Amino acid sequence: MAERKYQKYIVEDFNLGGARPPTGRTLDWRKTIVSLNGNRVEGASLSWFVWYTNIDDPPGPNSNSAHTHEVDEILGFIGTNWEEPGNLNAELEFWIDDEKYILTKSCLVFIPKGLKHCPLKILKCDRPFLHFDIISEPGVTRLTRTEIA
């Protein structure tokens, strides 16, 4: 099968180097949001991390419609099973331009500035997963978007 136009932006191979779960700790599966930007730490890039715990967790408002940004963006979807770190244990529908992707593996997705992406839909969620968004351009404190009809 020929490689699809935007397949190169989805990275699914991880080398965890023997990572093990932390000992003596239990994981709390509440939705947790952590964010960073230049307002909080001078010169920091914009980023945020979100736990999705089930199919009823709606993606954020920026994920519901197709849009573009004026900066590059890196999206991550990471499974939480230490025994199978590459398994997302969820099924997500994600659009890049006019191509639909079904994501079932832990992955990173590079979105170059100006590339239309989304919507994002959670189709199935058997186990919580981590989603993060990173804007590598320093000084960006808020991600602006251009809606695509």
C-alpha atoms as a PDB file:
ATOM      1  CA  MET A   1       0.000   0.000   0.000  1.00  0.00           C
ATOM      2  CA  ALA A   2       1.362   3.420  -0.940  1.00  0.00           C
ATOM      3  CA  GLU A   3       2.172   5.814   1.877  1.00  0.00           C
ATOM      4  CA  ARG A   4      -0.547   8.370   2.461  1.00  0.00           C
ATOM      5  CA  LYS A   5       0.207  12.048   2.027  1.00  0.00           C
ATOM      6  CA  TYR A   6       0.387  12.937   5.760  1.00  0.00           C
ATOM      7  CA  GLN A   7       1.408   9.568   7.236  1.00  0.00           C
ATOM      8  CA  LYS A   8       4.906  10.958   7.835  1.00  0.00           C
ATOM      9  CA  TYR A   9       3.482  13.248  10.529  1.00  0.00           C
ATOM     10  CA  ILE A  10       2.304  10.360  12.722  1.00  0.00           C
ATOM     11  CA  VAL A  11       5.069   8.727  14.780  1.00  0.00           C
ATOM     12  CA  GLU A  12       4.113   5.438  16.438  1.00  0.00           C
ATOM     13  CA  ASP A  13       7.437   3.789  17.275  1.00  0.00           C
ATOM     14  CA  PHE A  14       8.698   4.435  20.781  1.00  0.00           C
ATOM     15  CA  ASN A  15      11.938   3.260  22.375  1.00  0.00           C
ATOM     16  CA  LEU A  16      11.212   3.335  26.092  1.00  0.00           C
ATOM     17  CA  GLY A  17      14.608   2.019  27.138  1.00  0.00           C
ATOM     18  CA  GLY A  18      13.295  -0.371  29.793  1.00  0.00           C
ATOM     19  CA  ALA A  19      10.924   2.098  31.462  1.00  0.00           C
ATOM     20  CA  ARG A  20       9.054   0.635  34.438  1.00  0.00           C
ATOM     21  CA  PRO A  21       6.045   1.875  36.383  1.00  0.00           C
ATOM     22  CA  PRO A  22       6.843   3.846  39.516  1.00  0.00           C
ATOM     23  CA  THR A  23       6.930   1.643  42.611  1.00  0.00           C
ATOM     24  CA  GLY A  24       4.975   2.341  45.765  1.00  0.00           C
ATOM     25  CA  ARG A  25       2.539   4.640  43.986  1.00  0.00           C
ATOM     26  CA  THR A  26      -0.992   4.253  42.779  1.00  0.00           C
ATOM     27  CA  LEU A  27      -2.177   6.177  39.790  1.00  0.00           C
ATOM     28  CA  ASP A  28      -5.146   8.479  40.170  1.00  0.00           C
ATOM     29  CA  TRP A  29      -7.172   8.397  36.959  1.00  0.00           C
ATOM     30  CA  ARG A  30      -8.908  11.727  37.501  1.00  0.00           C
ATOM     31  CA  LYS A  31      -8.674  14.082  34.556  1.00  0.00           C
ATOM     32  CA  THR A  32      -5.631  16.233  35.287  1.00  0.00           C
ATOM     33  CA  ILE A  33      -4.646  19.296  33.287  1.00  0.00           C
ATOM     34  CA  VAL A  34      -1.155  20.779  33.413  1.00  0.00           C
ATOM     35  CA  SER A  35      -0.136  23.649  31.180  1.00  0.00           C
ATOM     36  CA  LEU A  36       2.785  25.936  30.549  1.00  0.00           C
ATOM     37  CA  ASN A  37       3.267  29.107  28.514  1.00  0.00           C
ATOM     38  CA  GLY A  38       5.319  32.290  28.368  1.00  0.00           C
ATOM     39  CA  ASN A  39       3.029  34.006  30.885  1.00  0.00           C
ATOM     40  CA  ARG A  40       3.815  31.373  33.514  1.00  0.00           C
ATOM     41  CA  VAL A  41       7.514  30.942  32.701  1.00  0.00           C
ATOM     42  CA  GLU A  42       9.236  33.597  30.614  1.00  0.00           C
ATOM     43  CA  GLY A  43      10.360  32.235  27.258  1.00  0.00           C
ATOM     44  CA  ALA A  44       8.493  28.942  27.711  1.00  0.00           C
ATOM     45  CA  SER A  45       6.640  27.362  24.845  1.00  0.00           C
ATOM     46  CA  LEU A  46       2.919  26.694  25.024  1.00  0.00           C
ATOM     47  CA  SER A  47       1.993  23.168  26.094  1.00  0.00           C
ATOM     48  CA  TRP A  48      -0.702  21.316  27.978  1.00  0.00           C
ATOM     49  CA  PHE A  49      -1.428  17.765  29.104  1.00  0.00           C
ATOM     50  CA  VAL A  50      -4.852  16.192  29.651  1.00  0.00           C
ATOM     51  CA  TRP A  51      -6.007  12.769  30.872  1.00  0.00           C
ATOM     52  CA  TYR A  52      -8.940  11.290  29.014  1.00  0.00           C
ATOM     53  CA  THR A  53     -10.580   8.653  31.176  1.00  0.00           C
ATOM     54  CA  ASN A  54     -13.546   7.435  29.135  1.00  0.00           C
ATOM     55  CA  ILE A  55     -15.509   7.899  25.938  1.00  0.00           C
ATOM     56  CA  ASP A  56     -17.719  10.522  27.573  1.00  0.00           C
ATOM     57  CA  ASP A  57     -14.793  12.912  28.009  1.00  0.00           C
ATOM     58  CA  PRO A  58     -15.318  15.411  25.219  1.00  0.00           C
ATOM     59  CA  PRO A  59     -12.208  16.681  23.450  1.00  0.00           C
ATOM     60  CA  GLY A  60     -11.438  20.312  24.190  1.00  0.00           C
ATOM     61  CA  PRO A  61     -13.181  23.100  22.315  1.00  0.00           C
ATOM     62  CA  ASN A  62     -10.201  23.451  19.964  1.00  0.00           C
ATOM     63  CA  SER A  63     -10.641  19.855  18.805  1.00  0.00           C
ATOM     64  CA  ASN A  64     -14.241  19.909  17.649  1.00  0.00           C
ATOM     65  CA  SER A  65     -13.842  21.561  14.257  1.00  0.00           C
ATOM     66  CA  ALA A  66     -11.307  21.762  11.452  1.00  0.00           C
ATOM     67  CA  HIS A  67      -8.826  24.590  11.866  1.00  0.00           C
ATOM     68  CA  THR A  68      -5.279  25.794  11.205  1.00  0.00           C
ATOM     69  CA  HIS A  69      -2.639  27.592  13.289  1.00  0.00           C
ATOM     70  CA  GLU A  70       0.113  30.053  12.407  1.00  0.00           C
ATOM     71  CA  VAL A  71       2.688  27.934  14.263  1.00  0.00           C
ATOM     72  CA  ASP A  72       3.791  24.278  14.157  1.00  0.00           C
ATOM     73  CA  GLU A  73       2.034  21.981  16.624  1.00  0.00           C
ATOM     74  CA  ILE A  74       2.896  18.581  18.110  1.00  0.00           C
ATOM     75  CA  LEU A  75       0.043  16.445  19.426  1.00  0.00           C
ATOM     76  CA  GLY A  76       0.588  13.356  21.552  1.00  0.00           C
ATOM     77  CA  PHE A  77      -1.723  10.490  22.417  1.00  0.00           C
ATOM     78  CA  ILE A  78      -0.083   8.098  24.888  1.00  0.00           C
ATOM     79  CA  GLY A  79      -1.478   4.857  26.326  1.00  0.00           C
ATOM     80  CA  THR A  80      -1.142   4.168  30.047  1.00  0.00           C
ATOM     81  CA  ASN A  81      -0.542   0.418  30.148  1.00  0.00           C
ATOM     82  CA  TRP A  82       3.081  -0.133  31.184  1.00  0.00           C
ATOM     83  CA  GLU A  83       2.955  -3.676  29.830  1.00  0.00           C
ATOM     84  CA  GLU A  84       1.955  -2.423  26.346  1.00  0.00           C
ATOM     85  CA  PRO A  85       3.114   1.218  26.067  1.00  0.00           C
ATOM     86  CA  GLY A  86       2.409   1.334  22.322  1.00  0.00           C
ATOM     87  CA  ASN A  87      -1.238   0.375  22.786  1.00  0.00           C
ATOM     88  CA  LEU A  88      -3.431   3.459  23.187  1.00  0.00           C
ATOM     89  CA  ASN A  89      -6.300   1.308  24.533  1.00  0.00           C
ATOM     90  CA  ALA A  90      -8.571   3.761  22.782  1.00  0.00           C
ATOM     91  CA  GLU A  91      -9.746   4.492  19.270  1.00  0.00           C
ATOM     92  CA  LEU A  92      -9.639   8.085  18.066  1.00  0.00           C
ATOM     93  CA  GLU A  93     -10.820   9.588  14.807  1.00  0.00           C
ATOM     94  CA  PHE A  94      -8.474  12.411  13.788  1.00  0.00           C
ATOM     95  CA  TRP A  95      -8.464  14.387  10.553  1.00  0.00           C
ATOM     96  CA  ILE A  96      -5.416  15.877   8.817  1.00  0.00           C
ATOM     97  CA  ASP A  97      -6.535  18.013   5.893  1.00  0.00           C
ATOM     98  CA  ASP A  98      -9.180  15.832   4.213  1.00  0.00           C
ATOM     99  CA  GLU A  99      -7.750  12.491   5.373  1.00  0.00           C
ATOM    100  CA  LYS A 100      -9.301  10.556   8.238  1.00  0.00           C
ATOM    101  CA  TYR A 101      -6.977   8.613  10.540  1.00  0.00           C
ATOM    102  CA  ILE A 102      -8.045   6.093  13.165  1.00  0.00           C
ATOM    103  CA  LEU A 103      -5.458   6.195  15.948  1.00  0.00           C
ATOM    104  CA  THR A 104      -5.158   3.076  18.125  1.00  0.00           C
ATOM    105  CA  LYS A 105      -1.447   3.232  19.031  1.00  0.00           C
ATOM    106  CA  SER A 106       0.472   5.670  21.212  1.00  0.00           C
ATOM    107  CA  CYS A 107       1.712   8.313  18.802  1.00  0.00           C
ATOM    108  CA  LEU A 108       3.009  11.799  18.173  1.00  0.00           C
ATOM    109  CA  VAL A 109       1.484  13.853  15.368  1.00  0.00           C
ATOM    110  CA  PHE A 110       3.337  16.803  13.824  1.00  0.00           C
ATOM    111  CA  ILE A 111       1.055  19.482  12.371  1.00  0.00           C
ATOM    112  CA  PRO A 112       3.005  22.055  10.308  1.00  0.00           C
ATOM    113  CA  LYS A 113       1.746  25.634  10.497  1.00  0.00           C
ATOM    114  CA  GLY A 114      -1.155  26.239   8.149  1.00  0.00           C
ATOM    115  CA  LEU A 115      -2.135  22.542   7.840  1.00  0.00           C
ATOM    116  CA  LYS A 116      -5.841  21.925   8.426  1.00  0.00           C
ATOM    117  CA  HIS A 117      -6.532  19.394  11.183  1.00  0.00           C
ATOM    118  CA  CYS A 118      -9.360  18.078  13.368  1.00  0.00           C
ATOM    119  CA  PRO A 119     -12.001  17.262  14.326  1.00  0.00           C
ATOM    120  CA  LEU A 120     -10.869  14.809  17.000  1.00  0.00           C
ATOM    121  CA  LYS A 121     -13.423  12.255  18.196  1.00  0.00           C
ATOM    122  CA  ILE A 122     -13.027   9.621  20.909  1.00  0.00           C
ATOM    123  CA  LEU A 123     -14.708   6.531  19.440  1.00  0.00           C
ATOM    124  CA  LYS A 124     -13.632   4.032  22.114  1.00  0.00           C
ATOM    125  CA  CYS A 125     -11.739   4.281  25.411  1.00  0.00           C
ATOM    126  CA  ASP A 126     -10.929   1.069  27.293  1.00  0.00           C
ATOM    127  CA  ARG A 127      -8.336   2.675  29.545  1.00  0.00           C
ATOM    128  CA  PRO A 128      -7.327   6.292  30.322  1.00  0.00           C
ATOM    129  CA  PHE A 129      -4.798   7.883  27.965  1.00  0.00           C
ATOM    130  CA  LEU A 130      -2.713  11.031  28.035  1.00  0.00           C
ATOM    131  CA  HIS A 131      -3.144  13.728  25.396  1.00  0.00           C
ATOM    132  CA  PHE A 132      -0.754  16.631  25.083  1.00  0.00           C
ATOM    133  CA  ASP A 133      -0.239  19.580  22.799  1.00  0.00           C
ATOM    134  CA  ILE A 134       3.102  21.346  22.359  1.00  0.00           C
ATOM    135  CA  ILE A 135       3.814  24.545  20.448  1.00  0.00           C
ATOM    136  CA  SER A 136       7.571  24.798  20.051  1.00  0.00           C
ATOM    137  CA  GLU A 137       7.711  28.492  19.179  1.00  0.00           C
ATOM    138  CA  PRO A 138       8.838  30.433  22.283  1.00  0.00           C
ATOM    139  CA  GLY A 139       6.711  33.299  23.490  1.00  0.00           C
ATOM    140  CA  VAL A 140       3.371  31.938  22.282  1.00  0.00           C
ATOM    141  CA  THR A 141       1.001  32.354  25.208  1.00  0.00           C
ATOM    142  CA  ARG A 142      -2.232  31.496  23.459  1.00  0.00           C
ATOM    143  CA  LEU A 143      -2.868  29.322  20.436  1.00  0.00           C
ATOM    144  CA  THR A 144      -4.773  31.235  17.786  1.00  0.00           C
ATOM    145  CA  ARG A 145      -6.715  29.315  15.192  1.00  0.00           C
ATOM    146  CA  THR A 146      -8.425  29.890  11.895  1.00  0.00           C
ATOM    147  CA  GLU A 147     -11.666  27.947  11.537  1.00  0.00           C
ATOM    148  CA  ILE A 148     -12.187  26.042   8.283  1.00  0.00           C
ATOM    149  CA  ALA A 149     -15.742  25.679   7.072  1.00  0.00           C
END
